[in-house]
Amino acid sequence: MSANGSTYQLTADCNAGLLNGADPASAAEAQLLNAACQVAFGNA
């Protein structure tokens, strides 16, 4: 995943709602998890 010219490596567990094995620590992380899962599963 890339944003603002930077590339990020992350693990999203869409079933458990975890980002890198932990609950999202902020609203921004929760949005990132949501976006990653939408891309992974093609849900708009």
Foldseek 3Di string as FASTA:
>chain_A
DDDPRDDDDWDADLVVCDINRHHDPDPVSSVVNVVVVCVVPVPD
